[in-house]
C-alpha cells in the first residue's frame, strides 16, 4: 500500500484506503492512474503535485490546507470534501476533471485555471474566485457577491449556459468571445427603463408582462451582465428574448 510522499513517482499504485496527514508538507510528487483511497489532509501544504487520471473521490481537506502549483488532469474529484473556508488553491490547473460533486463553494481559488472541467449547479462566492480562467462550458453556475465585489475572471474561451451573476461587478471580467454571448453595461438603468417600456406595451399579454418584469427585477442591482442568448432562447423562447433585449436597448445576438 502506498502513502503520498514528497518526490514520489507512482503509476497504477494502490494507496491505503484511510490515511490521515496532519501538519505535513508534501511536494513534488507525480501520481498517475491511481485510486488514492480516502486521505484526510489536516492543516497540510500540498505543493507542485502532478496528478493524472487519479481517483480522489474520497479525499477530505480540513483546518486550513493550502494547495499550490498543483496540476490535476482527468482526475475524479466528484466527492472531494472541503470544510468551509479550510482550503486555498493557488496557481493550480484543473484539466478535464470531473468536479460535479466537489464542495467548490467552500474553497478559495487564486490564479487557477479550469480547462474543460465538469462542474455545475453551484453557487460560487465572488470573493473566493480571484484571477481565475475558465475554458469550456459552465452550466447552471451562480457567481454571487455581497454587493459591488469585483469578479476577476477570464471567460474568453467559455460557453455560459444558465450562468448567473448576483451582487457583483463584472468590469474586470473578460467575457466570452464565442457566438451568442452578450456583455452589457449600465444594466441597472436599462432594466428600470425596460420595466416602464414593458408596462406600456399593449402588444404583450398580462402573463408575458409579468414574466418579463420578474426577470428584469433580478437585474436592478447589476451594473454589468453577460448573457448567452442562444441558451436563453432554448429556455424562454425567441419572442421573450427579443422583447427583453429590445426593452433593454440591446440587440440579441
C-alpha atoms as a PDB file:
ATOM      1  CA  UNK A   1       0.000   0.000   0.000  1.00  0.00           C
ATOM      2  CA  UNK A   2       1.294   3.449  -0.966  1.00  0.00           C
ATOM      3  CA  UNK A   3       1.297   6.671   1.009  1.00  0.00           C
ATOM      4  CA  UNK A   4       1.520  10.105  -0.635  1.00  0.00           C
ATOM      5  CA  UNK A   5       5.038  11.412  -0.028  1.00  0.00           C
ATOM      6  CA  UNK A   6       7.224  14.217  -1.330  1.00  0.00           C
ATOM      7  CA  UNK A   7       9.145  13.426  -4.507  1.00  0.00           C
ATOM      8  CA  UNK A   8       7.438  10.106  -5.151  1.00  0.00           C
ATOM      9  CA  UNK A   9       6.580   8.888  -8.631  1.00  0.00           C
ATOM     10  CA  UNK A  10       3.840   6.304  -8.930  1.00  0.00           C
ATOM     11  CA  UNK A  11       1.762   4.797 -11.711  1.00  0.00           C
ATOM     12  CA  UNK A  12      -1.194   2.481 -11.162  1.00  0.00           C
ATOM     13  CA  UNK A  13      -0.415   2.437  -7.447  1.00  0.00           C
ATOM     14  CA  UNK A  14      -2.665   1.149  -4.687  1.00  0.00           C
ATOM     15  CA  UNK A  15      -2.962   3.678  -1.875  1.00  0.00           C
ATOM     16  CA  UNK A  16      -4.015   2.874   1.655  1.00  0.00           C
ATOM     17  CA  UNK A  17      -7.751   3.351   1.989  1.00  0.00           C
ATOM     18  CA  UNK A  18      -7.701   5.667   5.003  1.00  0.00           C
ATOM     19  CA  UNK A  19      -4.646   7.821   5.762  1.00  0.00           C
ATOM     20  CA  UNK A  20      -4.593  10.976   7.895  1.00  0.00           C
ATOM     21  CA  UNK A  21      -1.967  13.580   7.047  1.00  0.00           C
ATOM     22  CA  UNK A  22      -1.511  16.227   9.752  1.00  0.00           C
ATOM     23  CA  UNK A  23       0.663  19.360   9.559  1.00  0.00           C
ATOM     24  CA  UNK A  24       2.627  17.891   6.647  1.00  0.00           C
ATOM     25  CA  UNK A  25       4.193  19.498   3.601  1.00  0.00           C
ATOM     26  CA  UNK A  26       4.045  17.218   0.572  1.00  0.00           C
ATOM     27  CA  UNK A  27       5.704  18.451  -2.601  1.00  0.00           C
ATOM     28  CA  UNK A  28       6.997  17.338  -5.976  1.00  0.00           C
ATOM     29  CA  UNK A  29       5.046  14.082  -6.229  1.00  0.00           C
ATOM     30  CA  UNK A  30       3.784  12.652  -9.535  1.00  0.00           C
ATOM     31  CA  UNK A  31       0.979  10.103  -9.458  1.00  0.00           C
ATOM     32  CA  UNK A  32      -0.978   8.679 -12.381  1.00  0.00           C
ATOM     33  CA  UNK A  33      -3.727   6.118 -12.992  1.00  0.00           C
ATOM     34  CA  UNK A  34      -4.243   5.520  -9.293  1.00  0.00           C
ATOM     35  CA  UNK A  35      -7.049   5.327  -6.766  1.00  0.00           C
ATOM     36  CA  UNK A  36      -5.751   7.407  -3.898  1.00  0.00           C
ATOM     37  CA  UNK A  37      -8.113   5.993  -1.319  1.00  0.00           C
ATOM     38  CA  UNK A  38      -9.684   8.256   1.310  1.00  0.00           C
ATOM     39  CA  UNK A  39      -6.919  10.596   2.512  1.00  0.00           C
ATOM     40  CA  UNK A  40      -7.687  13.204   5.145  1.00  0.00           C
ATOM     41  CA  UNK A  41      -5.487  16.306   4.982  1.00  0.00           C
ATOM     42  CA  UNK A  42      -5.430  18.352   8.191  1.00  0.00           C
ATOM     43  CA  UNK A  43      -3.570  21.672   8.022  1.00  0.00           C
ATOM     44  CA  UNK A  44      -1.325  20.406   5.222  1.00  0.00           C
ATOM     45  CA  UNK A  45       0.585  22.101   2.431  1.00  0.00           C
ATOM     46  CA  UNK A  46       0.436  20.364  -0.946  1.00  0.00           C
ATOM     47  CA  UNK A  47       2.900  21.810  -3.432  1.00  0.00           C
ATOM     48  CA  UNK A  48       3.750  21.075  -7.075  1.00  0.00           C
ATOM     49  CA  UNK A  49       1.879  17.781  -7.194  1.00  0.00           C
ATOM     50  CA  UNK A  50       1.089  16.326 -10.618  1.00  0.00           C
ATOM     51  CA  UNK A  51      -1.925  14.030 -10.543  1.00  0.00           C
ATOM     52  CA  UNK A  52      -3.048  12.435 -13.808  1.00  0.00           C
ATOM     53  CA  UNK A  53      -6.117  10.185 -14.141  1.00  0.00           C
ATOM     54  CA  UNK A  54      -6.395   9.717 -10.388  1.00  0.00           C
ATOM     55  CA  UNK A  55      -9.454   8.983  -8.260  1.00  0.00           C
ATOM     56  CA  UNK A  56      -9.581  11.468  -5.396  1.00  0.00           C
ATOM     57  CA  UNK A  57     -13.274  10.996  -4.754  1.00  0.00           C
ATOM     58  CA  UNK A  58     -12.907  10.381  -1.046  1.00  0.00           C
ATOM     59  CA  UNK A  59     -10.269  12.999  -0.207  1.00  0.00           C
ATOM     60  CA  UNK A  60     -11.016  15.481   2.588  1.00  0.00           C
ATOM     61  CA  UNK A  61      -9.407  18.871   3.268  1.00  0.00           C
ATOM     62  CA  UNK A  62      -9.625  20.422   6.743  1.00  0.00           C
ATOM     63  CA  UNK A  63      -8.049  23.001   9.048  1.00  0.00           C
ATOM     64  CA  UNK A  64      -6.555  25.453   6.578  1.00  0.00           C
ATOM     65  CA  UNK A  65      -4.938  23.340   3.864  1.00  0.00           C
ATOM     66  CA  UNK A  66      -3.061  25.103   1.060  1.00  0.00           C
ATOM     67  CA  UNK A  67      -2.686  23.615  -2.399  1.00  0.00           C
ATOM     68  CA  UNK A  68      -0.133  25.472  -4.520  1.00  0.00           C
ATOM     69  CA  UNK A  69       1.089  24.966  -8.103  1.00  0.00           C
ATOM     70  CA  UNK A  70      -0.573  21.578  -8.418  1.00  0.00           C
ATOM     71  CA  UNK A  71      -1.834  20.053 -11.669  1.00  0.00           C
ATOM     72  CA  UNK A  72      -4.908  17.842 -11.806  1.00  0.00           C
ATOM     73  CA  UNK A  73      -5.530  16.185 -15.186  1.00  0.00           C
ATOM     74  CA  UNK A  74      -8.502  13.888 -15.926  1.00  0.00           C
ATOM     75  CA  UNK A  75      -8.996  13.383 -12.188  1.00  0.00           C
ATOM     76  CA  UNK A  76     -12.203  12.273 -10.500  1.00  0.00           C
ATOM     77  CA  UNK A  77     -12.873  14.926  -7.851  1.00  0.00           C
ATOM     78  CA  UNK A  78     -16.645  14.478  -7.586  1.00  0.00           C
ATOM     79  CA  UNK A  79     -16.868  13.798  -3.852  1.00  0.00           C
ATOM     80  CA  UNK A  80     -13.860  15.726  -2.563  1.00  0.00           C
ATOM     81  CA  UNK A  81     -14.975  17.255   0.721  1.00  0.00           C
ATOM     82  CA  UNK A  82     -13.767  20.666   1.850  1.00  0.00           C
ATOM     83  CA  UNK A  83     -14.716  22.232   5.157  1.00  0.00           C
ATOM     84  CA  UNK A  84     -15.941  25.806   4.749  1.00  0.00           C
ATOM     85  CA  UNK A  85     -13.023  28.217   4.371  1.00  0.00           C
ATOM     86  CA  UNK A  86     -10.466  25.476   5.044  1.00  0.00           C
ATOM     87  CA  UNK A  87      -8.725  25.150   1.659  1.00  0.00           C
ATOM     88  CA  UNK A  88      -6.932  27.651  -0.581  1.00  0.00           C
ATOM     89  CA  UNK A  89      -5.839  26.669  -4.102  1.00  0.00           C
ATOM     90  CA  UNK A  90      -3.229  28.942  -5.704  1.00  0.00           C
ATOM     91  CA  UNK A  91      -1.714  28.696  -9.194  1.00  0.00           C
ATOM     92  CA  UNK A  92      -3.350  25.300  -9.761  1.00  0.00           C
ATOM     93  CA  UNK A  93      -4.501  23.829 -13.069  1.00  0.00           C
ATOM     94  CA  UNK A  94      -7.529  21.593 -13.416  1.00  0.00           C
ATOM     95  CA  UNK A  95      -7.789  19.990 -16.836  1.00  0.00           C
ATOM     96  CA  UNK A  96     -10.674  17.745 -17.964  1.00  0.00           C
ATOM     97  CA  UNK A  97     -11.545  16.926 -14.354  1.00  0.00           C
ATOM     98  CA  UNK A  98     -14.932  15.818 -13.059  1.00  0.00           C
ATOM     99  CA  UNK A  99     -15.739  18.230 -10.233  1.00  0.00           C
ATOM    100  CA  UNK A 100     -19.541  17.943 -10.185  1.00  0.00           C
ATOM    101  CA  UNK A 101     -19.926  16.978  -6.528  1.00  0.00           C
ATOM    102  CA  UNK A 102     -16.855  18.703  -5.125  1.00  0.00           C
ATOM    103  CA  UNK A 103     -17.651  21.320  -2.475  1.00  0.00           C
ATOM    104  CA  UNK A 104     -16.103  24.094  -4.570  1.00  0.00           C
ATOM    105  CA  UNK A 105     -18.107  26.749  -2.746  1.00  0.00           C
ATOM    106  CA  UNK A 106     -16.125  26.120   0.450  1.00  0.00           C
ATOM    107  CA  UNK A 107     -12.698  26.735  -1.100  1.00  0.00           C
ATOM    108  CA  UNK A 108     -10.785  29.765  -2.359  1.00  0.00           C
ATOM    109  CA  UNK A 109      -9.191  29.684  -5.823  1.00  0.00           C
ATOM    110  CA  UNK A 110      -6.497  32.234  -6.678  1.00  0.00           C
ATOM    111  CA  UNK A 111      -4.797  32.383 -10.099  1.00  0.00           C
ATOM    112  CA  UNK A 112      -6.215  28.970 -11.029  1.00  0.00           C
ATOM    113  CA  UNK A 113      -7.101  27.598 -14.450  1.00  0.00           C
ATOM    114  CA  UNK A 114     -10.086  25.372 -15.189  1.00  0.00           C
ATOM    115  CA  UNK A 115      -9.858  23.744 -18.614  1.00  0.00           C
ATOM    116  CA  UNK A 116     -12.872  21.774 -19.841  1.00  0.00           C
ATOM    117  CA  UNK A 117     -13.836  20.631 -16.361  1.00  0.00           C
ATOM    118  CA  UNK A 118     -17.274  19.352 -15.441  1.00  0.00           C
ATOM    119  CA  UNK A 119     -18.978  21.174 -12.610  1.00  0.00           C
ATOM    120  CA  UNK A 120     -22.480  22.542 -12.499  1.00  0.00           C
ATOM    121  CA  UNK A 121     -25.299  23.681 -10.255  1.00  0.00           C
ATOM    122  CA  UNK A 122     -23.002  25.537  -7.868  1.00  0.00           C
ATOM    123  CA  UNK A 123     -23.101  28.920  -6.122  1.00  0.00           C
ATOM    124  CA  UNK A 124     -19.569  30.319  -6.073  1.00  0.00           C
ATOM    125  CA  UNK A 125     -18.748  33.308  -3.876  1.00  0.00           C
ATOM    126  CA  UNK A 126     -17.038  36.068  -5.833  1.00  0.00           C
ATOM    127  CA  UNK A 127     -14.573  36.751  -3.025  1.00  0.00           C
ATOM    128  CA  UNK A 128     -13.325  33.165  -3.383  1.00  0.00           C
ATOM    129  CA  UNK A 129     -12.652  33.330  -7.145  1.00  0.00           C
ATOM    130  CA  UNK A 130      -9.650  35.558  -7.817  1.00  0.00           C
ATOM    131  CA  UNK A 131      -7.968  35.952 -11.225  1.00  0.00           C
ATOM    132  CA  UNK A 132      -9.141  32.537 -12.426  1.00  0.00           C
ATOM    133  CA  UNK A 133      -9.535  31.420 -16.020  1.00  0.00           C
ATOM    134  CA  UNK A 134     -12.264  29.154 -17.365  1.00  0.00           C
ATOM    135  CA  UNK A 135     -12.309  27.255 -20.662  1.00  0.00           C
ATOM    136  CA  UNK A 136     -15.146  25.017 -21.833  1.00  0.00           C
ATOM    137  CA  UNK A 137     -18.769  25.030 -20.738  1.00  0.00           C
ATOM    138  CA  UNK A 138     -20.125  26.283 -17.414  1.00  0.00           C
ATOM    139  CA  UNK A 139     -23.638  25.031 -16.655  1.00  0.00           C
ATOM    140  CA  UNK A 140     -26.012  26.469 -14.037  1.00  0.00           C
ATOM    141  CA  UNK A 141     -23.276  28.244 -12.082  1.00  0.00           C
ATOM    142  CA  UNK A 142     -24.064  31.321  -9.996  1.00  0.00           C
ATOM    143  CA  UNK A 143     -21.344  33.821  -9.120  1.00  0.00           C
ATOM    144  CA  UNK A 144     -22.568  35.658  -6.043  1.00  0.00           C
ATOM    145  CA  UNK A 145     -21.152  38.743  -4.338  1.00  0.00           C
ATOM    146  CA  UNK A 146     -22.285  40.835  -1.416  1.00  0.00           C
ATOM    147  CA  UNK A 147     -22.980  43.963  -3.413  1.00  0.00           C
ATOM    148  CA  UNK A 148     -20.239  45.527  -5.517  1.00  0.00           C
ATOM    149  CA  UNK A 149     -17.492  42.915  -5.252  1.00  0.00           C
ATOM    150  CA  UNK A 150     -15.390  42.578  -8.383  1.00  0.00           C
ATOM    151  CA  UNK A 151     -15.396  39.218 -10.109  1.00  0.00           C
ATOM    152  CA  UNK A 152     -11.925  38.936 -11.612  1.00  0.00           C
ATOM    153  CA  UNK A 153     -12.193  36.062 -14.061  1.00  0.00           C
ATOM    154  CA  UNK A 154     -11.412  35.177 -17.661  1.00  0.00           C
ATOM    155  CA  UNK A 155     -14.326  33.619 -19.584  1.00  0.00           C
ATOM    156  CA  UNK A 156     -12.887  34.382 -23.023  1.00  0.00           C
ATOM    157  CA  UNK A 157     -12.950  30.762 -24.211  1.00  0.00           C
ATOM    158  CA  UNK A 158     -16.040  29.758 -22.253  1.00  0.00           C
ATOM    159  CA  UNK A 159     -19.659  28.942 -23.006  1.00  0.00           C
ATOM    160  CA  UNK A 160     -22.023  30.117 -20.276  1.00  0.00           C
ATOM    161  CA  UNK A 161     -25.203  28.067 -20.106  1.00  0.00           C
ATOM    162  CA  UNK A 162     -27.524  29.188 -17.356  1.00  0.00           C
ATOM    163  CA  UNK A 163     -24.746  31.146 -15.609  1.00  0.00           C
ATOM    164  CA  UNK A 164     -25.999  33.898 -13.300  1.00  0.00           C
ATOM    165  CA  UNK A 165     -24.283  36.864 -11.683  1.00  0.00           C
ATOM    166  CA  UNK A 166     -25.641  38.318  -8.438  1.00  0.00           C
ATOM    167  CA  UNK A 167     -24.344  41.288  -6.473  1.00  0.00           C
ATOM    168  CA  UNK A 168     -21.018  41.612  -8.261  1.00  0.00           C
ATOM    169  CA  UNK A 169     -19.062  43.940 -10.529  1.00  0.00           C
ATOM    170  CA  UNK A 170     -18.059  42.422 -13.890  1.00  0.00           C
ATOM    171  CA  UNK A 171     -15.843  45.258 -15.142  1.00  0.00           C
ATOM    172  CA  UNK A 172     -12.699  43.180 -14.627  1.00  0.00           C
ATOM    173  CA  UNK A 173     -14.116  40.054 -16.270  1.00  0.00           C
ATOM    174  CA  UNK A 174     -13.113  39.025 -19.754  1.00  0.00           C
ATOM    175  CA  UNK A 175     -16.436  37.950 -21.327  1.00  0.00           C
ATOM    176  CA  UNK A 176     -16.763  35.056 -23.787  1.00  0.00           C
ATOM    177  CA  UNK A 177     -15.908  35.841 -27.381  1.00  0.00           C
ATOM    178  CA  UNK A 178     -17.913  32.914 -28.752  1.00  0.00           C
ATOM    179  CA  UNK A 179     -21.100  33.444 -30.722  1.00  0.00           C
ATOM    180  CA  UNK A 180     -24.336  34.349 -28.922  1.00  0.00           C
ATOM    181  CA  UNK A 181     -22.700  35.849 -25.824  1.00  0.00           C
ATOM    182  CA  UNK A 182     -23.600  39.419 -24.990  1.00  0.00           C
ATOM    183  CA  UNK A 183     -21.866  41.678 -22.449  1.00  0.00           C
ATOM    184  CA  UNK A 184     -23.928  44.728 -21.450  1.00  0.00           C
ATOM    185  CA  UNK A 185     -23.138  47.692 -19.213  1.00  0.00           C
ATOM    186  CA  UNK A 186     -25.475  50.132 -17.407  1.00  0.00           C
ATOM    187  CA  UNK A 187     -27.771  47.171 -16.783  1.00  0.00           C
ATOM    188  CA  UNK A 188     -29.490  48.618 -13.709  1.00  0.00           C
ATOM    189  CA  UNK A 189     -30.537  51.783 -15.523  1.00  0.00           C
ATOM    190  CA  UNK A 190     -31.554  49.810 -18.606  1.00  0.00           C
ATOM    191  CA  UNK A 191     -33.667  47.422 -16.502  1.00  0.00           C
ATOM    192  CA  UNK A 192     -35.575  50.228 -14.796  1.00  0.00           C
ATOM    193  CA  UNK A 193     -36.287  51.850 -18.155  1.00  0.00           C
ATOM    194  CA  UNK A 194     -37.253  48.487 -19.656  1.00  0.00           C
ATOM    195  CA  UNK A 195     -39.876  47.841 -16.967  1.00  0.00           C
ATOM    196  CA  UNK A 196     -41.575  51.119 -17.870  1.00  0.00           C
ATOM    197  CA  UNK A 197     -41.464  50.231 -21.564  1.00  0.00           C
ATOM    198  CA  UNK A 198     -42.945  46.790 -20.943  1.00  0.00           C
ATOM    199  CA  UNK A 199     -45.728  48.149 -18.749  1.00  0.00           C
ATOM    200  CA  UNK A 200     -46.785  50.426 -21.620  1.00  0.00           C
ATOM    201  CA  UNK A 201     -46.548  47.743 -24.337  1.00  0.00           C
ATOM    202  CA  UNK A 202     -50.131  46.926 -25.331  1.00  0.00           C
ATOM    203  CA  UNK A 203     -48.947  44.053 -27.547  1.00  0.00           C
ATOM    204  CA  UNK A 204     -47.976  41.966 -24.521  1.00  0.00           C
ATOM    205  CA  UNK A 205     -50.353  39.735 -22.609  1.00  0.00           C
ATOM    206  CA  UNK A 206     -50.566  40.163 -18.855  1.00  0.00           C
ATOM    207  CA  UNK A 207     -48.706  36.878 -18.347  1.00  0.00           C
ATOM    208  CA  UNK A 208     -45.907  37.888 -20.738  1.00  0.00           C
ATOM    209  CA  UNK A 209     -45.591  41.215 -18.937  1.00  0.00           C
ATOM    210  CA  UNK A 210     -45.334  39.535 -15.532  1.00  0.00           C
ATOM    211  CA  UNK A 211     -42.617  37.137 -16.659  1.00  0.00           C
ATOM    212  CA  UNK A 212     -40.556  39.909 -18.259  1.00  0.00           C
ATOM    213  CA  UNK A 213     -40.842  42.230 -15.259  1.00  0.00           C
ATOM    214  CA  UNK A 214     -39.963  39.386 -12.891  1.00  0.00           C
ATOM    215  CA  UNK A 215     -36.802  38.726 -14.919  1.00  0.00           C
ATOM    216  CA  UNK A 216     -35.872  42.406 -15.093  1.00  0.00           C
ATOM    217  CA  UNK A 217     -36.199  42.867 -11.329  1.00  0.00           C
ATOM    218  CA  UNK A 218     -33.326  40.431 -10.907  1.00  0.00           C
ATOM    219  CA  UNK A 219     -31.139  42.865 -12.851  1.00  0.00           C
ATOM    220  CA  UNK A 220     -31.947  46.004 -10.848  1.00  0.00           C
ATOM    221  CA  UNK A 221     -28.765  45.793  -8.774  1.00  0.00           C
ATOM    222  CA  UNK A 222     -26.363  44.722 -11.533  1.00  0.00           C
ATOM    223  CA  UNK A 223     -24.369  47.289 -13.500  1.00  0.00           C
ATOM    224  CA  UNK A 224     -22.992  44.734 -15.962  1.00  0.00           C
ATOM    225  CA  UNK A 225     -24.199  41.348 -17.144  1.00  0.00           C
ATOM    226  CA  UNK A 226     -23.230  38.552 -19.523  1.00  0.00           C
ATOM    227  CA  UNK A 227     -25.882  36.553 -21.361  1.00  0.00           C
ATOM    228  CA  UNK A 228     -25.822  33.548 -23.651  1.00  0.00           C
ATOM    229  CA  UNK A 229     -28.788  34.492 -25.821  1.00  0.00           C
ATOM    230  CA  UNK A 230     -28.932  31.118 -27.592  1.00  0.00           C
ATOM    231  CA  UNK A 231     -29.296  29.326 -24.259  1.00  0.00           C
ATOM    232  CA  UNK A 232     -31.947  31.847 -23.183  1.00  0.00           C
ATOM    233  CA  UNK A 233     -33.962  31.204 -26.336  1.00  0.00           C
ATOM    234  CA  UNK A 234     -33.946  27.484 -25.578  1.00  0.00           C
ATOM    235  CA  UNK A 235     -35.349  28.203 -22.122  1.00  0.00           C
ATOM    236  CA  UNK A 236     -37.696  31.161 -22.704  1.00  0.00           C
ATOM    237  CA  UNK A 237     -38.317  31.167 -26.450  1.00  0.00           C
ATOM    238  CA  UNK A 238     -37.399  33.624 -29.204  1.00  0.00           C
ATOM    239  CA  UNK A 239     -40.195  36.120 -28.527  1.00  0.00           C
ATOM    240  CA  UNK A 240     -39.296  36.540 -24.858  1.00  0.00           C
ATOM    241  CA  UNK A 241     -35.596  37.081 -25.610  1.00  0.00           C
ATOM    242  CA  UNK A 242     -36.207  39.521 -28.443  1.00  0.00           C
ATOM    243  CA  UNK A 243     -38.690  41.541 -26.369  1.00  0.00           C
ATOM    244  CA  UNK A 244     -36.393  41.550 -23.346  1.00  0.00           C
ATOM    245  CA  UNK A 245     -33.347  42.834 -25.171  1.00  0.00           C
ATOM    246  CA  UNK A 246     -35.322  45.317 -27.233  1.00  0.00           C
ATOM    247  CA  UNK A 247     -36.646  46.802 -23.987  1.00  0.00           C
ATOM    248  CA  UNK A 248     -33.074  46.913 -22.645  1.00  0.00           C
ATOM    249  CA  UNK A 249     -31.932  48.779 -25.753  1.00  0.00           C
ATOM    250  CA  UNK A 250     -29.759  45.906 -26.952  1.00  0.00           C
ATOM    251  CA  UNK A 251     -29.717  43.636 -29.951  1.00  0.00           C
ATOM    252  CA  UNK A 252     -29.949  39.940 -29.091  1.00  0.00           C
ATOM    253  CA  UNK A 253     -27.210  38.142 -30.989  1.00  0.00           C
END
